[in-house]
Amino acid sequence: MIELLRARRSIRRYTNKSIEPEKIEILKEAVLRSPSSRNFDPWEFIFVDDQELLQKLALSKQHGSKFLEHAALGIVICADGEK
């Protein structure tokens, strides 16, 4: 696991290629299986592939959201009380 964490990289340059539905389903399964304290799951994951909405999300924060501007998919995480 530590090697996986050490090798992790964030990608901020995207191609115009869309993400295959099978890969999106694998991502959804991965977030649903992510652990939480006492299996409480205090979050909600929203998968966004609408380009107009991704453009708006790219402007949602002063720092740290601009990369969504050209992304094919964004995953918004809402913790309890943030909706």
C-alpha atoms as a PDB file:
ATOM      1  CA  MET A   1       0.000   0.000   0.000  1.00  0.00           C
ATOM      2  CA  ILE A   2       2.794   2.433   0.839  1.00  0.00           C
ATOM      3  CA  GLU A   3       4.347   1.919  -2.597  1.00  0.00           C
ATOM      4  CA  LEU A   4       1.022   2.767  -4.200  1.00  0.00           C
ATOM      5  CA  LEU A   5       0.827   5.974  -2.163  1.00  0.00           C
ATOM      6  CA  ARG A   6       4.401   6.908  -3.029  1.00  0.00           C
ATOM      7  CA  ALA A   7       3.762   6.401  -6.743  1.00  0.00           C
ATOM      8  CA  ARG A   8       0.482   8.339  -6.808  1.00  0.00           C
ATOM      9  CA  ARG A   9       0.377  11.357  -9.110  1.00  0.00           C
ATOM     10  CA  SER A  10      -2.247  13.976  -9.815  1.00  0.00           C
ATOM     11  CA  ILE A  11      -3.020  14.636 -13.450  1.00  0.00           C
ATOM     12  CA  ARG A  12      -3.932  18.186 -14.423  1.00  0.00           C
ATOM     13  CA  ARG A  13      -3.586  18.012 -18.217  1.00  0.00           C
ATOM     14  CA  TYR A  14      -6.372  16.207 -19.982  1.00  0.00           C
ATOM     15  CA  THR A  15      -7.056  14.908 -23.453  1.00  0.00           C
ATOM     16  CA  ASN A  16     -10.398  15.265 -25.234  1.00  0.00           C
ATOM     17  CA  LYS A  17     -10.995  11.530 -24.821  1.00  0.00           C
ATOM     18  CA  SER A  18     -14.080  10.581 -22.820  1.00  0.00           C
ATOM     19  CA  ILE A  19     -13.882   8.063 -19.996  1.00  0.00           C
ATOM     20  CA  GLU A  20     -15.292   4.629 -20.728  1.00  0.00           C
ATOM     21  CA  PRO A  21     -18.474   3.806 -18.757  1.00  0.00           C
ATOM     22  CA  GLU A  22     -16.822   0.635 -17.387  1.00  0.00           C
ATOM     23  CA  LYS A  23     -14.050   2.712 -15.794  1.00  0.00           C
ATOM     24  CA  ILE A  24     -16.579   5.093 -14.245  1.00  0.00           C
ATOM     25  CA  GLU A  25     -18.408   2.106 -12.748  1.00  0.00           C
ATOM     26  CA  ILE A  26     -15.112   0.862 -11.245  1.00  0.00           C
ATOM     27  CA  LEU A  27     -14.547   4.317  -9.724  1.00  0.00           C
ATOM     28  CA  LYS A  28     -18.065   4.290  -8.269  1.00  0.00           C
ATOM     29  CA  GLU A  29     -17.475   0.877  -6.730  1.00  0.00           C
ATOM     30  CA  ALA A  30     -14.150   2.056  -5.279  1.00  0.00           C
ATOM     31  CA  VAL A  31     -15.701   5.062  -3.529  1.00  0.00           C
ATOM     32  CA  LEU A  32     -18.599   2.962  -2.241  1.00  0.00           C
ATOM     33  CA  ARG A  33     -16.112   0.509  -0.733  1.00  0.00           C
ATOM     34  CA  SER A  34     -13.954   3.193   0.907  1.00  0.00           C
ATOM     35  CA  PRO A  35     -13.801   2.666   4.654  1.00  0.00           C
ATOM     36  CA  SER A  36     -15.172   4.960   7.327  1.00  0.00           C
ATOM     37  CA  SER A  37     -15.336   4.874  11.081  1.00  0.00           C
ATOM     38  CA  ARG A  38     -17.960   2.340  12.217  1.00  0.00           C
ATOM     39  CA  ASN A  39     -19.071   2.050   8.552  1.00  0.00           C
ATOM     40  CA  PHE A  40     -20.926   5.329   9.024  1.00  0.00           C
ATOM     41  CA  ASP A  41     -20.205   6.618   5.469  1.00  0.00           C
ATOM     42  CA  PRO A  42     -20.626  10.337   6.266  1.00  0.00           C
ATOM     43  CA  TRP A  43     -20.279  11.434   2.642  1.00  0.00           C
ATOM     44  CA  GLU A  44     -21.917  11.499  -0.748  1.00  0.00           C
ATOM     45  CA  PHE A  45     -20.071  11.262  -4.067  1.00  0.00           C
ATOM     46  CA  ILE A  46     -21.476  13.088  -7.073  1.00  0.00           C
ATOM     47  CA  PHE A  47     -20.026  12.140 -10.463  1.00  0.00           C
ATOM     48  CA  VAL A  48     -20.127  15.078 -12.894  1.00  0.00           C
ATOM     49  CA  ASP A  49     -19.483  14.664 -16.625  1.00  0.00           C
ATOM     50  CA  ASP A  50     -21.525  17.621 -17.892  1.00  0.00           C
ATOM     51  CA  GLN A  51     -18.981  20.036 -19.401  1.00  0.00           C
ATOM     52  CA  GLU A  52     -21.027  23.139 -18.604  1.00  0.00           C
ATOM     53  CA  LEU A  53     -21.261  22.153 -14.949  1.00  0.00           C
ATOM     54  CA  LEU A  54     -17.545  21.259 -14.826  1.00  0.00           C
ATOM     55  CA  GLN A  55     -16.810  24.776 -16.150  1.00  0.00           C
ATOM     56  CA  LYS A  56     -18.852  26.247 -13.280  1.00  0.00           C
ATOM     57  CA  LEU A  57     -17.181  23.971 -10.728  1.00  0.00           C
ATOM     58  CA  ALA A  58     -13.784  25.109 -12.039  1.00  0.00           C
ATOM     59  CA  LEU A  59     -14.700  28.608 -10.826  1.00  0.00           C
ATOM     60  CA  SER A  60     -16.199  27.484  -7.515  1.00  0.00           C
ATOM     61  CA  LYS A  61     -13.094  28.078  -5.392  1.00  0.00           C
ATOM     62  CA  GLN A  62     -10.404  30.715  -5.602  1.00  0.00           C
ATOM     63  CA  HIS A  63      -7.670  28.050  -5.485  1.00  0.00           C
ATOM     64  CA  GLY A  64      -7.697  24.370  -6.324  1.00  0.00           C
ATOM     65  CA  SER A  65     -10.601  23.856  -8.719  1.00  0.00           C
ATOM     66  CA  LYS A  66      -9.393  25.348 -12.017  1.00  0.00           C
ATOM     67  CA  PHE A  67      -8.184  21.933 -13.236  1.00  0.00           C
ATOM     68  CA  LEU A  68     -11.823  20.841 -13.637  1.00  0.00           C
ATOM     69  CA  GLU A  69     -12.189  23.246 -16.561  1.00  0.00           C
ATOM     70  CA  HIS A  70     -10.969  20.660 -19.102  1.00  0.00           C
ATOM     71  CA  ALA A  71     -11.681  17.418 -17.212  1.00  0.00           C
ATOM     72  CA  ALA A  72     -13.911  14.690 -18.636  1.00  0.00           C
ATOM     73  CA  LEU A  73     -15.176  13.778 -15.166  1.00  0.00           C
ATOM     74  CA  GLY A  74     -15.270  15.416 -11.770  1.00  0.00           C
ATOM     75  CA  ILE A  75     -16.138  13.741  -8.489  1.00  0.00           C
ATOM     76  CA  VAL A  76     -17.627  16.061  -5.897  1.00  0.00           C
ATOM     77  CA  ILE A  77     -17.467  14.800  -2.326  1.00  0.00           C
ATOM     78  CA  CYS A  78     -20.027  16.152   0.127  1.00  0.00           C
ATOM     79  CA  ALA A  79     -19.581  15.334   3.794  1.00  0.00           C
ATOM     80  CA  ASP A  80     -22.566  15.368   6.149  1.00  0.00           C
ATOM     81  CA  GLY A  81     -23.749  18.921   6.654  1.00  0.00           C
ATOM     82  CA  GLU A  82     -22.133  20.272   3.456  1.00  0.00           C
ATOM     83  CA  LYS A  83     -24.968  19.670   1.005  1.00  0.00           C
END
